[in-house]
Amino acid sequence: MIFCCPACGSALEREDRALRCANGHSYDIARQGYVHLLPVKQMHAKIPGDTKQMVDARRVFLSGGYYDAFRDKLAELTDKYLPENGVILDAGCGEGYYTDAVRRALPPEADALVCGFDISKLAVAAAAKRYPRLELSVASCFAIPVADAAADLLLAIFSPIVPGEFARVVRPGGALLLAVAGPRHLFGLKEVLYEHPYENETRETVYPGFVLERRVPVRTTVVIRGQEAIHDLFAMTPYYWKTPADGAKRLGGLESLFTELGFDLLLYRRTEESE
C-alpha cells in the first residue's frame, strides 16, 4: 500500500472494505475498488476535476488507437527506467488508459506496484472498474497522500505539475516522466477552430530537485473519421472551453479531420539528497 492517510500522514492498512491508519482515520473502499483520499477542504467544487462527458469522450477516443504511438513510447520508457520491484505512481491518471498500458508492458519478473490518482472521482471510478489490477485513489497533485520518497517513477501525463510535491514523493535517484504537447500537436484541429492557429512553445523547464536527462519526441499524423470521434477529441482538449462559437461550428460540420500529433516525453532524474 503506497497511499497514506491524508489527515495525519500515517501508513494505511487494509481492513475488510476500508483503509485505516493507526490514529483511527478510516476510508471506505468503493465497490469499484478505489479509495477516496481527497479531503473536503481540498475540494474546490462539488465534483472536482473532469466531468462524466470528458471522461467518456477521452475513453472512447483513446480506444480508437489514435494515440497508440505515444502510449507505446511511454510504456517503453517506463520499462527502461523502472527498477526491479519498483513503484510507479501516475499523477492525474484520469480513466487509467496510460496507467494500465504501462502496467501491461512491464515483464512479469518486474513485480512492480502500479498506482494512480486523480482529482476526478468520476475518472478514478471508471479506471477502477475497467482496470482492477491498479491501486487507485481520488486525490490532488497539490497534496499527494503518499509517503516521502515512496515512488521510483512518477508519471505526469498532461496533469498539473507541482514540483515540490513531486520532489517529495520521488525517491532520490528516481525518475519523473512528463508528457507535454509538441509544437504542432493537434495543429490540424487548431486550423479549423481558429483563424490564426499557433504552434505550442517548446521550453526547457527546470524543476527544483530534478535534472532533465532527455527529451523524447513522438510525432505522427492521423485521420479522424466521423463527427462523433472528432467531437470526442475536441471534448478532451482544453480548446473545448475556449474556442469561439464559429470555430466549434466549423468543426461540427466535418466528417473527417487530418491532424498532426506531437508529444514530447521529458525524463527528469531526482537529485540525490546530498546535492
Protein backbone atom coordinates (compact mmCIF):
# COMPACT_ATOMS: atom_id res chain seq x y z
CA MET A 1 0.00 0.00 0.00
CA ILE A 2 1.63 3.20 -1.22
CA PHE A 3 -1.10 5.59 -0.09
CA CYS A 4 -1.06 7.18 3.34
CA CYS A 5 -3.63 8.96 5.49
CA PRO A 6 -4.38 12.45 4.14
CA ALA A 7 -5.31 13.63 7.64
CA CYS A 8 -2.16 12.68 9.56
CA GLY A 9 0.27 11.13 7.07
CA SER A 10 0.33 7.74 8.79
CA ALA A 11 0.50 4.47 6.86
CA LEU A 12 -2.80 2.90 5.80
CA GLU A 13 -3.68 -0.76 6.29
CA ARG A 14 -6.47 -2.62 4.54
CA GLU A 15 -9.17 -3.97 6.85
CA ASP A 16 -12.20 -5.56 5.21
CA ARG A 17 -13.68 -2.86 2.94
CA ALA A 18 -11.74 0.10 4.32
CA LEU A 19 -8.27 1.55 4.78
CA ARG A 20 -7.37 2.62 8.31
CA CYS A 21 -4.39 4.31 9.94
CA ALA A 22 -3.00 3.90 13.47
CA ASN A 23 -4.67 7.15 14.54
CA GLY A 24 -8.15 5.84 13.78
CA HIS A 25 -8.85 7.60 10.48
CA SER A 26 -10.80 5.36 8.12
CA TYR A 27 -11.54 5.50 4.38
CA ASP A 28 -14.06 3.21 2.73
CA ILE A 29 -13.05 1.26 -0.36
CA ALA A 30 -15.62 1.88 -3.10
CA ARG A 31 -17.29 -1.09 -4.75
CA GLN A 32 -15.18 -0.42 -7.87
CA GLY A 33 -12.04 -0.86 -5.76
CA TYR A 34 -10.67 2.67 -5.35
CA VAL A 35 -10.41 4.80 -2.18
CA HIS A 36 -11.34 8.47 -1.75
CA LEU A 37 -8.42 10.33 -0.13
CA LEU A 38 -9.32 13.90 -1.10
CA PRO A 39 -10.23 15.96 2.00
CA VAL A 40 -13.27 18.21 1.73
CA LYS A 41 -11.09 21.31 2.26
CA GLN A 42 -9.21 20.45 -0.95
CA MET A 43 -12.40 20.15 -2.99
CA HIS A 44 -12.90 23.48 -4.71
CA ALA A 45 -16.06 22.22 -6.41
CA LYS A 46 -18.83 19.81 -5.54
CA ILE A 47 -17.43 17.34 -8.08
CA PRO A 48 -13.80 18.38 -8.81
CA GLY A 49 -11.96 17.50 -11.98
CA ASP A 50 -13.19 16.10 -15.26
CA THR A 51 -16.89 15.70 -15.88
CA LYS A 52 -18.52 12.44 -16.96
CA GLN A 53 -18.73 13.83 -20.50
CA MET A 54 -14.98 14.50 -20.59
CA VAL A 55 -14.11 11.12 -19.07
CA ASP A 56 -16.34 9.26 -21.53
CA ALA A 57 -15.06 11.25 -24.52
CA ARG A 58 -11.43 10.53 -23.64
CA ARG A 59 -12.07 6.84 -23.06
CA VAL A 60 -13.88 6.38 -26.37
CA PHE A 61 -11.37 8.41 -28.37
CA LEU A 62 -8.29 6.71 -26.93
CA SER A 63 -9.82 3.28 -27.56
CA GLY A 64 -9.79 4.18 -31.27
CA GLY A 65 -6.00 3.79 -31.34
CA TYR A 66 -5.19 7.35 -32.43
CA TYR A 67 -2.64 7.85 -29.62
CA ASP A 68 -1.13 4.35 -29.75
CA ALA A 69 2.31 5.59 -30.83
CA PHE A 70 2.51 7.84 -27.80
CA ARG A 71 1.20 5.14 -25.46
CA ASP A 72 3.76 2.62 -26.73
CA LYS A 73 6.72 5.00 -26.35
CA LEU A 74 5.60 5.88 -22.83
CA ALA A 75 5.43 2.19 -21.92
CA GLU A 76 8.86 1.58 -23.46
CA LEU A 77 10.49 4.34 -21.41
CA THR A 78 8.73 3.22 -18.24
CA ASP A 79 10.08 -0.30 -18.65
CA LYS A 80 13.58 1.11 -19.22
CA TYR A 81 13.70 3.39 -16.20
CA LEU A 82 11.80 1.38 -13.59
CA PRO A 83 14.00 -0.68 -11.24
CA GLU A 84 13.12 -4.25 -10.27
CA ASN A 85 10.30 -4.36 -7.70
CA GLY A 86 9.74 -0.68 -8.39
CA VAL A 87 6.76 1.55 -7.63
CA ILE A 88 5.06 3.58 -10.37
CA LEU A 89 2.78 6.44 -9.37
CA ASP A 90 0.65 8.09 -12.07
CA ALA A 91 -0.29 11.63 -11.01
CA GLY A 92 -3.54 12.68 -12.67
CA CYS A 93 -4.21 9.20 -14.06
CA GLY A 94 -7.66 10.03 -15.45
CA GLU A 95 -9.57 6.97 -16.58
CA GLY A 96 -6.38 4.85 -16.40
CA TYR A 97 -5.65 4.36 -20.11
CA TYR A 98 -1.92 5.12 -19.85
CA THR A 99 -1.55 3.73 -16.33
CA ASP A 100 -2.73 0.28 -17.29
CA ALA A 101 -0.85 0.33 -20.60
CA VAL A 102 2.35 0.89 -18.64
CA ARG A 103 1.49 -1.96 -16.28
CA ARG A 104 0.75 -4.39 -19.13
CA ALA A 105 4.01 -3.55 -20.89
CA LEU A 106 6.17 -4.50 -17.91
CA PRO A 107 7.64 -8.02 -17.88
CA PRO A 108 6.17 -10.36 -15.22
CA GLU A 109 9.51 -10.52 -13.43
CA ALA A 110 9.41 -6.75 -12.83
CA ASP A 111 7.00 -7.35 -9.92
CA ALA A 112 6.07 -3.68 -9.95
CA LEU A 113 3.39 -1.86 -7.97
CA VAL A 114 1.43 0.41 -10.33
CA CYS A 115 -0.70 3.09 -8.69
CA GLY A 116 -2.54 6.19 -9.80
CA PHE A 117 -4.66 9.03 -8.51
CA ASP A 118 -6.79 11.80 -9.93
CA ILE A 119 -8.87 14.62 -8.50
CA SER A 120 -11.86 13.46 -10.58
CA LYS A 121 -13.87 10.84 -8.72
CA LEU A 122 -15.68 10.01 -11.97
CA ALA A 123 -12.40 9.31 -13.76
CA VAL A 124 -10.99 7.18 -10.93
CA ALA A 125 -14.21 5.18 -10.65
CA ALA A 126 -14.08 4.46 -14.38
CA ALA A 127 -10.42 3.44 -14.13
CA ALA A 128 -11.01 1.13 -11.18
CA LYS A 129 -13.92 -0.58 -12.90
CA ARG A 130 -12.01 -1.10 -16.13
CA TYR A 131 -8.55 -1.87 -14.69
CA PRO A 132 -8.94 -3.76 -11.39
CA ARG A 133 -5.21 -4.54 -11.08
CA LEU A 134 -4.32 -0.89 -10.46
CA GLU A 135 -4.12 0.69 -6.99
CA LEU A 136 -6.19 3.88 -7.34
CA SER A 137 -7.36 6.79 -5.24
CA VAL A 138 -9.10 10.13 -5.54
CA ALA A 139 -6.51 12.74 -4.56
CA SER A 140 -4.89 16.02 -5.58
CA CYS A 141 -1.47 16.68 -7.12
CA PHE A 142 -1.14 19.57 -4.68
CA ALA A 143 -1.30 17.30 -1.60
CA ILE A 144 -0.41 13.76 -2.65
CA PRO A 145 -1.39 11.19 0.04
CA VAL A 146 1.84 9.24 -0.38
CA ALA A 147 4.83 8.95 1.96
CA ASP A 148 8.10 10.74 1.23
CA ALA A 149 10.34 9.03 -1.36
CA ALA A 150 7.75 6.29 -1.95
CA ALA A 151 7.82 6.28 -5.78
CA ASP A 152 10.59 5.04 -8.06
CA LEU A 153 8.92 6.54 -11.12
CA LEU A 154 6.32 9.29 -11.18
CA LEU A 155 4.25 9.79 -14.34
CA ALA A 156 2.53 13.10 -15.10
CA ILE A 157 0.74 12.78 -18.43
CA PHE A 158 -0.78 16.19 -19.19
CA SER A 159 -1.57 16.65 -15.49
CA PRO A 160 -0.78 19.64 -13.24
CA ILE A 161 2.93 19.81 -12.39
CA VAL A 162 3.63 20.50 -8.72
CA PRO A 163 7.43 20.42 -8.36
CA GLY A 164 7.54 20.46 -4.55
CA GLU A 165 5.15 17.57 -4.12
CA PHE A 166 6.71 15.62 -6.98
CA ALA A 167 10.18 16.01 -5.47
CA ARG A 168 8.84 14.90 -2.09
CA VAL A 169 7.29 11.61 -3.27
CA VAL A 170 10.03 10.52 -5.71
CA ARG A 171 12.99 8.80 -4.09
CA PRO A 172 16.49 10.25 -4.63
CA GLY A 173 17.76 8.79 -7.90
CA GLY A 174 14.21 8.04 -9.03
CA ALA A 175 12.62 9.41 -12.19
CA LEU A 176 9.88 11.82 -13.21
CA LEU A 177 8.37 11.30 -16.66
CA LEU A 178 6.32 14.20 -18.01
CA ALA A 179 4.29 14.47 -21.21
CA VAL A 180 3.88 17.84 -22.91
CA ALA A 181 2.45 18.90 -26.24
CA GLY A 182 4.94 19.29 -29.11
CA PRO A 183 4.99 22.45 -31.27
CA ARG A 184 2.45 21.23 -33.85
CA HIS A 185 0.37 18.90 -31.71
CA LEU A 186 -3.24 18.95 -32.99
CA PHE A 187 -2.36 21.70 -35.46
CA GLY A 188 -4.97 20.43 -37.94
CA LEU A 189 -7.62 20.78 -35.25
CA LYS A 190 -6.49 24.33 -34.44
CA GLU A 191 -6.60 25.27 -38.13
CA VAL A 192 -10.33 24.54 -38.06
CA LEU A 193 -11.03 26.16 -34.70
CA TYR A 194 -9.05 29.38 -35.04
CA GLU A 195 -8.46 31.97 -37.75
CA HIS A 196 -4.81 32.26 -36.70
CA PRO A 197 -3.60 28.86 -35.41
CA TYR A 198 -0.42 28.92 -33.38
CA GLU A 199 2.37 26.49 -32.58
CA ASN A 200 2.98 25.47 -28.99
CA GLU A 201 6.05 26.86 -27.29
CA THR A 202 8.91 24.46 -26.52
CA ARG A 203 10.51 25.07 -23.13
CA GLU A 204 13.39 23.59 -21.17
CA THR A 205 11.79 23.95 -17.74
CA VAL A 206 13.89 23.48 -14.63
CA TYR A 207 12.14 21.93 -11.64
CA PRO A 208 13.75 22.13 -8.18
CA GLY A 209 15.00 18.73 -7.07
CA PHE A 210 15.18 17.33 -10.61
CA VAL A 211 17.62 17.32 -13.52
CA LEU A 212 16.41 16.90 -17.11
CA GLU A 213 18.09 13.86 -18.67
CA ARG A 214 16.41 13.57 -22.04
CA ARG A 215 13.57 14.74 -24.27
CA VAL A 216 11.94 12.07 -26.42
CA PRO A 217 9.74 13.41 -29.25
CA VAL A 218 6.86 11.34 -30.63
CA ARG A 219 5.46 12.56 -33.94
CA THR A 220 2.75 11.10 -36.17
CA THR A 221 -0.30 12.07 -38.22
CA VAL A 222 -3.83 10.70 -38.09
CA VAL A 223 -7.11 10.94 -39.95
CA ILE A 224 -10.04 11.02 -37.56
CA ARG A 225 -13.20 9.83 -39.26
CA GLY A 226 -16.76 10.56 -38.15
CA GLN A 227 -18.22 13.53 -36.33
CA GLU A 228 -18.55 11.56 -33.10
CA ALA A 229 -14.81 10.77 -32.94
CA ILE A 230 -13.91 14.35 -33.90
CA HIS A 231 -16.14 15.67 -31.13
CA ASP A 232 -14.63 13.23 -28.61
CA LEU A 233 -11.17 14.57 -29.44
CA PHE A 234 -12.38 18.15 -29.11
CA ALA A 235 -14.05 17.42 -25.75
CA MET A 236 -10.86 16.01 -24.22
CA THR A 237 -8.74 19.06 -25.08
CA PRO A 238 -8.53 22.46 -23.34
CA TYR A 239 -9.72 24.05 -26.60
CA TYR A 240 -13.20 22.77 -25.76
CA TRP A 241 -13.56 25.53 -23.14
CA LYS A 242 -12.04 28.46 -25.02
CA THR A 243 -12.99 28.08 -28.68
CA PRO A 244 -15.16 30.77 -30.33
CA ALA A 245 -18.62 29.60 -31.39
CA ASP A 246 -17.83 29.91 -35.10
CA GLY A 247 -14.80 27.64 -34.73
CA ALA A 248 -16.82 24.99 -32.93
CA LYS A 249 -19.48 25.25 -35.64
CA ARG A 250 -16.88 24.64 -38.39
CA LEU A 251 -15.61 21.60 -36.55
CA GLY A 252 -19.16 20.32 -36.14
CA GLY A 253 -19.57 20.25 -39.92
CA LEU A 254 -16.64 17.91 -40.57
CA GLU A 255 -16.80 14.17 -41.17
CA SER A 256 -13.02 13.71 -41.26
CA LEU A 257 -10.10 15.57 -39.75
CA PHE A 258 -6.41 15.29 -40.67
CA THR A 259 -4.07 16.47 -37.96
CA GLU A 260 -0.54 16.16 -36.70
CA LEU A 261 0.06 14.64 -33.28
CA GLY A 262 3.20 15.63 -31.45
CA PHE A 263 4.19 14.77 -27.91
CA ASP A 264 7.42 15.27 -26.01
CA LEU A 265 8.26 12.92 -23.16
CA LEU A 266 10.61 14.59 -20.69
CA LEU A 267 12.65 12.35 -18.41
CA TYR A 268 13.86 14.02 -15.23
CA ARG A 269 16.09 12.43 -12.60
CA ARG A 270 15.51 13.16 -8.90
CA THR A 271 18.71 14.59 -7.46
CA GLU A 272 20.37 12.90 -4.51
CA GLU A 273 19.57 14.47 -1.15
CA SER A 274 23.24 15.33 -0.62
CA GLU A 275 23.01 17.68 -3.57
